[in-house]
Amino acid sequence: MSNFNDFQKMINSLNKEKLSELCEEFLTNHEAAMNILFKYCTEFGLIFDSQEIKDNMTIMHKNGDFDNIVCFGIELSENQLYKKFHPS
């Protein structure tokens, strides 16, 4: 069974370009971003349902794991659209 630590390792194994693309996808097309994450999880040998992926992403967001990811040309922590949906 896959757990948060497995998910975090998978996310941390992605290069910055893939993380930036994933971030931009989440901000513009949540369903497509979830499909990309399902694909990444499968390729990494992990099994999660959509709620588990959302929960894991939320934990990582709250931990600030994505704050330095460049999204639409600026760090996610400075992105106003992101802040709208993820207030501090």
PDB file of N, CA and C in Angstrom:
ATOM      1  N   MET A   1       0.841  -1.180   0.000  1.00  0.00           N
ATOM      2  CA  MET A   1       0.000   0.000   0.000  1.00  0.00           C
ATOM      3  C   MET A   1       0.886   1.244   0.000  1.00  0.00           C
ATOM      4  N   SER A   2       0.537   2.219  -0.820  1.00  0.00           N
ATOM      5  CA  SER A   2       1.300   3.462  -0.922  1.00  0.00           C
ATOM      6  C   SER A   2       0.913   4.415   0.201  1.00  0.00           C
ATOM      7  N   ASN A   3       1.883   5.219   0.640  1.00  0.00           N
ATOM      8  CA  ASN A   3       1.612   6.168   1.713  1.00  0.00           C
ATOM      9  C   ASN A   3       2.155   7.547   1.353  1.00  0.00           C
ATOM     10  N   PHE A   4       1.957   8.506   2.259  1.00  0.00           N
ATOM     11  CA  PHE A   4       2.395   9.884   2.005  1.00  0.00           C
ATOM     12  C   PHE A   4       3.886   9.961   1.704  1.00  0.00           C
ATOM     13  N   ASN A   5       4.701   9.244   2.469  1.00  0.00           N
ATOM     14  CA  ASN A   5       6.150   9.287   2.236  1.00  0.00           C
ATOM     15  C   ASN A   5       6.508   8.819   0.831  1.00  0.00           C
ATOM     16  N   ASP A   6       5.812   7.789   0.333  1.00  0.00           N
ATOM     17  CA  ASP A   6       6.034   7.320  -1.041  1.00  0.00           C
ATOM     18  C   ASP A   6       5.657   8.413  -2.039  1.00  0.00           C
ATOM     19  N   PHE A   7       4.518   9.057  -1.787  1.00  0.00           N
ATOM     20  CA  PHE A   7       4.049  10.123  -2.666  1.00  0.00           C
ATOM     21  C   PHE A   7       5.055  11.270  -2.686  1.00  0.00           C
ATOM     22  N   GLN A   8       5.515  11.658  -1.517  1.00  0.00           N
ATOM     23  CA  GLN A   8       6.474  12.751  -1.408  1.00  0.00           C
ATOM     24  C   GLN A   8       7.776  12.423  -2.145  1.00  0.00           C
ATOM     25  N   LYS A   9       8.249  11.189  -2.018  1.00  0.00           N
ATOM     26  CA  LYS A   9       9.454  10.765  -2.743  1.00  0.00           C
ATOM     27  C   LYS A   9       9.235  10.866  -4.250  1.00  0.00           C
ATOM     28  N   MET A  10       8.048  10.460  -4.714  1.00  0.00           N
ATOM     29  CA  MET A  10       7.737  10.525  -6.133  1.00  0.00           C
ATOM     30  C   MET A  10       7.750  11.971  -6.607  1.00  0.00           C
ATOM     31  N   ILE A  11       7.081  12.854  -5.883  1.00  0.00           N
ATOM     32  CA  ILE A  11       7.038  14.272  -6.259  1.00  0.00           C
ATOM     33  C   ILE A  11       8.449  14.854  -6.259  1.00  0.00           C
ATOM     34  N   ASN A  12       9.223  14.543  -5.241  1.00  0.00           N
ATOM     35  CA  ASN A  12      10.585  15.079  -5.143  1.00  0.00           C
ATOM     36  C   ASN A  12      11.516  14.518  -6.211  1.00  0.00           C
ATOM     37  N   SER A  13      11.134  13.409  -6.837  1.00  0.00           N
ATOM     38  CA  SER A  13      11.956  12.840  -7.904  1.00  0.00           C
ATOM     39  C   SER A  13      11.719  13.541  -9.248  1.00  0.00           C
ATOM     40  N   LEU A  14      10.648  14.322  -9.335  1.00  0.00           N
ATOM     41  CA  LEU A  14      10.348  15.032 -10.576  1.00  0.00           C
ATOM     42  C   LEU A  14      11.278  16.231 -10.727  1.00  0.00           C
ATOM     43  N   ASN A  15      11.694  16.496 -11.967  1.00  0.00           N
ATOM     44  CA  ASN A  15      12.551  17.664 -12.172  1.00  0.00           C
ATOM     45  C   ASN A  15      11.714  18.943 -12.089  1.00  0.00           C
ATOM     46  N   LYS A  16      12.388  20.073 -11.953  1.00  0.00           N
ATOM     47  CA  LYS A  16      11.711  21.355 -11.755  1.00  0.00           C
ATOM     48  C   LYS A  16      10.800  21.706 -12.933  1.00  0.00           C
ATOM     49  N   GLU A  17      11.195  21.316 -14.126  1.00  0.00           N
ATOM     50  CA  GLU A  17      10.363  21.602 -15.301  1.00  0.00           C
ATOM     51  C   GLU A  17       9.023  20.875 -15.208  1.00  0.00           C
ATOM     52  N   LYS A  18       9.063  19.589 -14.851  1.00  0.00           N
ATOM     53  CA  LYS A  18       7.818  18.832 -14.712  1.00  0.00           C
ATOM     54  C   LYS A  18       6.957  19.397 -13.590  1.00  0.00           C
ATOM     55  N   LEU A  19       7.581  19.797 -12.492  1.00  0.00           N
ATOM     56  CA  LEU A  19       6.824  20.374 -11.386  1.00  0.00           C
ATOM     57  C   LEU A  19       6.196  21.706 -11.789  1.00  0.00           C
ATOM     58  N   SER A  20       6.916  22.504 -12.549  1.00  0.00           N
ATOM     59  CA  SER A  20       6.360  23.773 -13.034  1.00  0.00           C
ATOM     60  C   SER A  20       5.172  23.525 -13.946  1.00  0.00           C
ATOM     61  N   GLU A  21       5.316  22.588 -14.862  1.00  0.00           N
ATOM     62  CA  GLU A  21       4.222  22.253 -15.769  1.00  0.00           C
ATOM     63  C   GLU A  21       3.013  21.732 -14.992  1.00  0.00           C
ATOM     64  N   LEU A  22       3.260  20.899 -13.994  1.00  0.00           N
ATOM     65  CA  LEU A  22       2.183  20.358 -13.169  1.00  0.00           C
ATOM     66  C   LEU A  22       1.476  21.486 -12.407  1.00  0.00           C
ATOM     67  N   CYS A  23       2.249  22.401 -11.862  1.00  0.00           N
ATOM     68  CA  CYS A  23       1.691  23.543 -11.147  1.00  0.00           C
ATOM     69  C   CYS A  23       0.786  24.355 -12.067  1.00  0.00           C
ATOM     70  N   GLU A  24       1.276  24.681 -13.254  1.00  0.00           N
ATOM     71  CA  GLU A  24       0.492  25.465 -14.195  1.00  0.00           C
ATOM     72  C   GLU A  24      -0.781  24.732 -14.592  1.00  0.00           C
ATOM     73  N   GLU A  25      -0.684  23.425 -14.737  1.00  0.00           N
ATOM     74  CA  GLU A  25      -1.858  22.626 -15.086  1.00  0.00           C
ATOM     75  C   GLU A  25      -2.888  22.657 -13.956  1.00  0.00           C
ATOM     76  N   PHE A  26      -2.419  22.561 -12.709  1.00  0.00           N
ATOM     77  CA  PHE A  26      -3.349  22.613 -11.573  1.00  0.00           C
ATOM     78  C   PHE A  26      -4.097  23.935 -11.529  1.00  0.00           C
ATOM     79  N   LEU A  27      -3.408  25.020 -11.865  1.00  0.00           N
ATOM     80  CA  LEU A  27      -4.042  26.329 -11.801  1.00  0.00           C
ATOM     81  C   LEU A  27      -4.990  26.596 -12.963  1.00  0.00           C
ATOM     82  N   THR A  28      -4.864  25.834 -14.041  1.00  0.00           N
ATOM     83  CA  THR A  28      -5.708  26.078 -15.213  1.00  0.00           C
ATOM     84  C   THR A  28      -6.667  24.938 -15.522  1.00  0.00           C
ATOM     85  N   ASN A  29      -6.292  23.699 -15.170  1.00  0.00           N
ATOM     86  CA  ASN A  29      -7.119  22.547 -15.514  1.00  0.00           C
ATOM     87  C   ASN A  29      -6.879  21.446 -14.480  1.00  0.00           C
ATOM     88  N   HIS A  30      -7.617  21.534 -13.393  1.00  0.00           N
ATOM     89  CA  HIS A  30      -7.403  20.636 -12.256  1.00  0.00           C
ATOM     90  C   HIS A  30      -7.542  19.164 -12.654  1.00  0.00           C
ATOM     91  N   GLU A  31      -8.529  18.847 -13.462  1.00  0.00           N
ATOM     92  CA  GLU A  31      -8.755  17.453 -13.864  1.00  0.00           C
ATOM     93  C   GLU A  31      -7.573  16.900 -14.654  1.00  0.00           C
ATOM     94  N   ALA A  32      -7.043  17.691 -15.558  1.00  0.00           N
ATOM     95  CA  ALA A  32      -5.880  17.253 -16.335  1.00  0.00           C
ATOM     96  C   ALA A  32      -4.667  17.058 -15.425  1.00  0.00           C
ATOM     97  N   ALA A  33      -4.496  17.951 -14.455  1.00  0.00           N
ATOM     98  CA  ALA A  33      -3.380  17.823 -13.515  1.00  0.00           C
ATOM     99  C   ALA A  33      -3.505  16.542 -12.705  1.00  0.00           C
ATOM    100  N   MET A  34      -4.717  16.219 -12.279  1.00  0.00           N
ATOM    101  CA  MET A  34      -4.927  14.973 -11.534  1.00  0.00           C
ATOM    102  C   MET A  34      -4.577  13.771 -12.405  1.00  0.00           C
ATOM    103  N   ASN A  35      -4.932  13.821 -13.679  1.00  0.00           N
ATOM    104  CA  ASN A  35      -4.592  12.721 -14.588  1.00  0.00           C
ATOM    105  C   ASN A  35      -3.084  12.576 -14.733  1.00  0.00           C
ATOM    106  N   ILE A  36      -2.383  13.701 -14.788  1.00  0.00           N
ATOM    107  CA  ILE A  36      -0.919  13.663 -14.862  1.00  0.00           C
ATOM    108  C   ILE A  36      -0.354  13.035 -13.595  1.00  0.00           C
ATOM    109  N   LEU A  37      -0.897  13.412 -12.436  1.00  0.00           N
ATOM    110  CA  LEU A  37      -0.411  12.829 -11.183  1.00  0.00           C
ATOM    111  C   LEU A  37      -0.687  11.336 -11.101  1.00  0.00           C
ATOM    112  N   PHE A  38      -1.864  10.903 -11.573  1.00  0.00           N
ATOM    113  CA  PHE A  38      -2.147   9.461 -11.619  1.00  0.00           C
ATOM    114  C   PHE A  38      -1.083   8.756 -12.457  1.00  0.00           C
ATOM    115  N   LYS A  39      -0.726   9.355 -13.594  1.00  0.00           N
ATOM    116  CA  LYS A  39       0.290   8.786 -14.487  1.00  0.00           C
ATOM    117  C   LYS A  39       1.640   8.708 -13.778  1.00  0.00           C
ATOM    118  N   TYR A  40       2.052   9.804 -13.136  1.00  0.00           N
ATOM    119  CA  TYR A  40       3.325   9.812 -12.418  1.00  0.00           C
ATOM    120  C   TYR A  40       3.340   8.765 -11.307  1.00  0.00           C
ATOM    121  N   CYS A  41       2.245   8.668 -10.574  1.00  0.00           N
ATOM    122  CA  CYS A  41       2.166   7.670  -9.495  1.00  0.00           C
ATOM    123  C   CYS A  41       2.315   6.259 -10.061  1.00  0.00           C
ATOM    124  N   THR A  42       1.599   5.975 -11.132  1.00  0.00           N
ATOM    125  CA  THR A  42       1.659   4.650 -11.760  1.00  0.00           C
ATOM    126  C   THR A  42       3.078   4.338 -12.223  1.00  0.00           C
ATOM    127  N   GLU A  43       3.717   5.313 -12.868  1.00  0.00           N
ATOM    128  CA  GLU A  43       5.091   5.114 -13.342  1.00  0.00           C
ATOM    129  C   GLU A  43       6.059   4.876 -12.181  1.00  0.00           C
ATOM    130  N   PHE A  44       5.749   5.413 -11.020  1.00  0.00           N
ATOM    131  CA  PHE A  44       6.595   5.259  -9.834  1.00  0.00           C
ATOM    132  C   PHE A  44       6.208   4.019  -9.035  1.00  0.00           C
ATOM    133  N   GLY A  45       5.167   3.304  -9.500  1.00  0.00           N
ATOM    134  CA  GLY A  45       4.723   2.084  -8.830  1.00  0.00           C
ATOM    135  C   GLY A  45       3.819   2.323  -7.641  1.00  0.00           C
ATOM    136  N   LEU A  46       3.171   3.488  -7.599  1.00  0.00           N
ATOM    137  CA  LEU A  46       2.301   3.835  -6.481  1.00  0.00           C
ATOM    138  C   LEU A  46       0.836   3.732  -6.884  1.00  0.00           C
ATOM    139  N   ILE A  47       0.007   3.421  -5.911  1.00  0.00           N
ATOM    140  CA  ILE A  47      -1.435   3.344  -6.149  1.00  0.00           C
ATOM    141  C   ILE A  47      -2.131   4.256  -5.148  1.00  0.00           C
ATOM    142  N   PHE A  48      -2.802   5.280  -5.678  1.00  0.00           N
ATOM    143  CA  PHE A  48      -3.580   6.214  -4.875  1.00  0.00           C
ATOM    144  C   PHE A  48      -4.893   6.493  -5.587  1.00  0.00           C
ATOM    145  N   ASP A  49      -5.953   6.742  -4.816  1.00  0.00           N
ATOM    146  CA  ASP A  49      -7.179   7.226  -5.436  1.00  0.00           C
ATOM    147  C   ASP A  49      -7.106   8.752  -5.460  1.00  0.00           C
ATOM    148  N   SER A  50      -8.074   9.390  -6.093  1.00  0.00           N
ATOM    149  CA  SER A  50      -8.012  10.839  -6.276  1.00  0.00           C
ATOM    150  C   SER A  50      -8.029  11.581  -4.943  1.00  0.00           C
ATOM    151  N   GLN A  51      -8.778  11.102  -3.970  1.00  0.00           N
ATOM    152  CA  GLN A  51      -8.817  11.779  -2.673  1.00  0.00           C
ATOM    153  C   GLN A  51      -7.471  11.701  -1.973  1.00  0.00           C
ATOM    154  N   GLU A  52      -6.800  10.570  -2.066  1.00  0.00           N
ATOM    155  CA  GLU A  52      -5.477  10.424  -1.451  1.00  0.00           C
ATOM    156  C   GLU A  52      -4.467  11.361  -2.114  1.00  0.00           C
ATOM    157  N   ILE A  53      -4.545  11.491  -3.434  1.00  0.00           N
ATOM    158  CA  ILE A  53      -3.646  12.410  -4.133  1.00  0.00           C
ATOM    159  C   ILE A  53      -3.911  13.834  -3.670  1.00  0.00           C
ATOM    160  N   LYS A  54      -5.182  14.226  -3.606  1.00  0.00           N
ATOM    161  CA  LYS A  54      -5.532  15.572  -3.141  1.00  0.00           C
ATOM    162  C   LYS A  54      -5.035  15.799  -1.718  1.00  0.00           C
ATOM    163  N   ASP A  55      -5.239  14.824  -0.856  1.00  0.00           N
ATOM    164  CA  ASP A  55      -4.793  14.946   0.536  1.00  0.00           C
ATOM    165  C   ASP A  55      -3.271  15.094   0.615  1.00  0.00           C
ATOM    166  N   ASN A  56      -2.554  14.290  -0.154  1.00  0.00           N
ATOM    167  CA  ASN A  56      -1.088  14.356  -0.152  1.00  0.00           C
ATOM    168  C   ASN A  56      -0.591  15.691  -0.697  1.00  0.00           C
ATOM    169  N   MET A  57      -1.212  16.167  -1.763  1.00  0.00           N
ATOM    170  CA  MET A  57      -0.828  17.467  -2.318  1.00  0.00           C
ATOM    171  C   MET A  57      -1.102  18.578  -1.308  1.00  0.00           C
ATOM    172  N   THR A  58      -2.220  18.491  -0.609  1.00  0.00           N
ATOM    173  CA  THR A  58      -2.562  19.502   0.396  1.00  0.00           C
ATOM    174  C   THR A  58      -1.531  19.532   1.511  1.00  0.00           C
ATOM    175  N   ILE A  59      -1.129  18.367   1.980  1.00  0.00           N
ATOM    176  CA  ILE A  59      -0.102  18.297   3.024  1.00  0.00           C
ATOM    177  C   ILE A  59       1.181  18.954   2.534  1.00  0.00           C
ATOM    178  N   MET A  60       1.577  18.636   1.313  1.00  0.00           N
ATOM    179  CA  MET A  60       2.813  19.203   0.776  1.00  0.00           C
ATOM    180  C   MET A  60       2.699  20.716   0.602  1.00  0.00           C
ATOM    181  N   HIS A  61       1.536  21.190   0.151  1.00  0.00           N
ATOM    182  CA  HIS A  61       1.328  22.638   0.033  1.00  0.00           C
ATOM    183  C   HIS A  61       1.443  23.308   1.395  1.00  0.00           C
ATOM    184  N   LYS A  62       0.782  22.725   2.397  1.00  0.00           N
ATOM    185  CA  LYS A  62       0.821  23.300   3.746  1.00  0.00           C
ATOM    186  C   LYS A  62       2.237  23.313   4.313  1.00  0.00           C
ATOM    187  N   ASN A  63       3.038  22.328   3.933  1.00  0.00           N
ATOM    188  CA  ASN A  63       4.427  22.257   4.379  1.00  0.00           C
ATOM    189  C   ASN A  63       5.339  23.211   3.612  1.00  0.00           C
ATOM    190  N   GLY A  64       4.801  23.841   2.564  1.00  0.00           N
ATOM    191  CA  GLY A  64       5.596  24.764   1.755  1.00  0.00           C
ATOM    192  C   GLY A  64       6.500  24.081   0.754  1.00  0.00           C
ATOM    193  N   ASP A  65       6.229  22.810   0.470  1.00  0.00           N
ATOM    194  CA  ASP A  65       7.091  22.045  -0.435  1.00  0.00           C
ATOM    195  C   ASP A  65       7.098  22.571  -1.868  1.00  0.00           C
ATOM    196  N   PHE A  66       6.080  23.345  -2.237  1.00  0.00           N
ATOM    197  CA  PHE A  66       5.988  23.838  -3.612  1.00  0.00           C
ATOM    198  C   PHE A  66       6.251  25.332  -3.729  1.00  0.00           C
ATOM    199  N   ASP A  67       6.561  25.997  -2.637  1.00  0.00           N
ATOM    200  CA  ASP A  67       6.708  27.453  -2.650  1.00  0.00           C
ATOM    201  C   ASP A  67       7.763  27.952  -3.626  1.00  0.00           C
ATOM    202  N   ASN A  68       8.812  27.184  -3.855  1.00  0.00           N
ATOM    203  CA  ASN A  68       9.897  27.625  -4.740  1.00  0.00           C
ATOM    204  C   ASN A  68       9.724  27.179  -6.184  1.00  0.00           C
ATOM    205  N   ILE A  69       8.635  26.497  -6.483  1.00  0.00           N
ATOM    206  CA  ILE A  69       8.389  26.058  -7.855  1.00  0.00           C
ATOM    207  C   ILE A  69       7.954  27.252  -8.690  1.00  0.00           C
ATOM    208  N   VAL A  70       8.573  27.423  -9.844  1.00  0.00           N
ATOM    209  CA  VAL A  70       8.213  28.520 -10.736  1.00  0.00           C
ATOM    210  C   VAL A  70       6.960  28.125 -11.501  1.00  0.00           C
ATOM    211  N   CYS A  71       5.963  29.003 -11.413  1.00  0.00           N
ATOM    212  CA  CYS A  71       4.670  28.746 -12.029  1.00  0.00           C
ATOM    213  C   CYS A  71       4.237  30.020 -12.751  1.00  0.00           C
ATOM    214  N   PHE A  72       4.080  29.932 -14.060  1.00  0.00           N
ATOM    215  CA  PHE A  72       3.775  31.104 -14.887  1.00  0.00           C
ATOM    216  C   PHE A  72       4.796  32.214 -14.681  1.00  0.00           C
ATOM    217  N   GLY A  73       6.068  31.825 -14.571  1.00  0.00           N
ATOM    218  CA  GLY A  73       7.163  32.777 -14.529  1.00  0.00           C
ATOM    219  C   GLY A  73       7.524  33.322 -13.164  1.00  0.00           C
ATOM    220  N   ILE A  74       6.769  32.979 -12.115  1.00  0.00           N
ATOM    221  CA  ILE A  74       7.110  33.431 -10.772  1.00  0.00           C
ATOM    222  C   ILE A  74       6.993  32.263  -9.802  1.00  0.00           C
ATOM    223  N   GLU A  75       7.674  32.400  -8.666  1.00  0.00           N
ATOM    224  CA  GLU A  75       7.588  31.335  -7.666  1.00  0.00           C
ATOM    225  C   GLU A  75       6.153  31.201  -7.184  1.00  0.00           C
ATOM    226  N   LEU A  76       5.743  29.982  -6.951  1.00  0.00           N
ATOM    227  CA  LEU A  76       4.366  29.698  -6.548  1.00  0.00           C
ATOM    228  C   LEU A  76       3.959  30.495  -5.314  1.00  0.00           C
ATOM    229  N   SER A  77       4.877  30.686  -4.400  1.00  0.00           N
ATOM    230  CA  SER A  77       4.552  31.417  -3.168  1.00  0.00           C
ATOM    231  C   SER A  77       4.157  32.863  -3.444  1.00  0.00           C
ATOM    232  N   GLU A  78       4.516  33.384  -4.631  1.00  0.00           N
ATOM    233  CA  GLU A  78       4.191  34.759  -4.999  1.00  0.00           C
ATOM    234  C   GLU A  78       3.047  34.844  -6.016  1.00  0.00           C
ATOM    235  N   ASN A  79       2.538  33.709  -6.464  1.00  0.00           N
ATOM    236  CA  ASN A  79       1.499  33.681  -7.487  1.00  0.00           C
ATOM    237  C   ASN A  79       0.143  34.050  -6.877  1.00  0.00           C
ATOM    238  N   GLN A  80      -0.473  35.116  -7.386  1.00  0.00           N
ATOM    239  CA  GLN A  80      -1.731  35.614  -6.829  1.00  0.00           C
ATOM    240  C   GLN A  80      -2.887  34.638  -7.033  1.00  0.00           C
ATOM    241  N   LEU A  81      -2.924  33.947  -8.167  1.00  0.00           N
ATOM    242  CA  LEU A  81      -3.980  32.958  -8.404  1.00  0.00           C
ATOM    243  C   LEU A  81      -3.868  31.820  -7.404  1.00  0.00           C
ATOM    244  N   TYR A  82      -2.654  31.375  -7.153  1.00  0.00           N
ATOM    245  CA  TYR A  82      -2.430  30.321  -6.157  1.00  0.00           C
ATOM    246  C   TYR A  82      -2.880  30.795  -4.779  1.00  0.00           C
ATOM    247  N   LYS A  83      -2.486  32.016  -4.416  1.00  0.00           N
ATOM    248  CA  LYS A  83      -2.839  32.556  -3.101  1.00  0.00           C
ATOM    249  C   LYS A  83      -4.354  32.656  -2.926  1.00  0.00           C
ATOM    250  N   LYS A  84      -5.059  32.924  -4.020  1.00  0.00           N
ATOM    251  CA  LYS A  84      -6.519  33.027  -3.960  1.00  0.00           C
ATOM    252  C   LYS A  84      -7.137  31.723  -3.472  1.00  0.00           C
ATOM    253  N   PHE A  85      -6.609  30.599  -3.938  1.00  0.00           N
ATOM    254  CA  PHE A  85      -7.159  29.289  -3.591  1.00  0.00           C
ATOM    255  C   PHE A  85      -6.447  28.628  -2.418  1.00  0.00           C
ATOM    256  N   HIS A  86      -5.296  29.160  -2.025  1.00  0.00           N
ATOM    257  CA  HIS A  86      -4.526  28.601  -0.904  1.00  0.00           C
ATOM    258  C   HIS A  86      -4.064  29.726   0.015  1.00  0.00           C
ATOM    259  N   PRO A  87      -5.007  30.399   0.688  1.00  0.00           N
ATOM    260  CA  PRO A  87      -4.582  31.498   1.570  1.00  0.00           C
ATOM    261  C   PRO A  87      -3.727  30.987   2.730  1.00  0.00           C
ATOM    262  N   SER A  88      -2.858  31.847   3.193  1.00  0.00           N
ATOM    263  CA  SER A  88      -1.943  31.481   4.298  1.00  0.00           C
ATOM    264  C   SER A  88      -2.685  31.250   5.580  1.00  0.00           C
TER     265      SER A  88
END
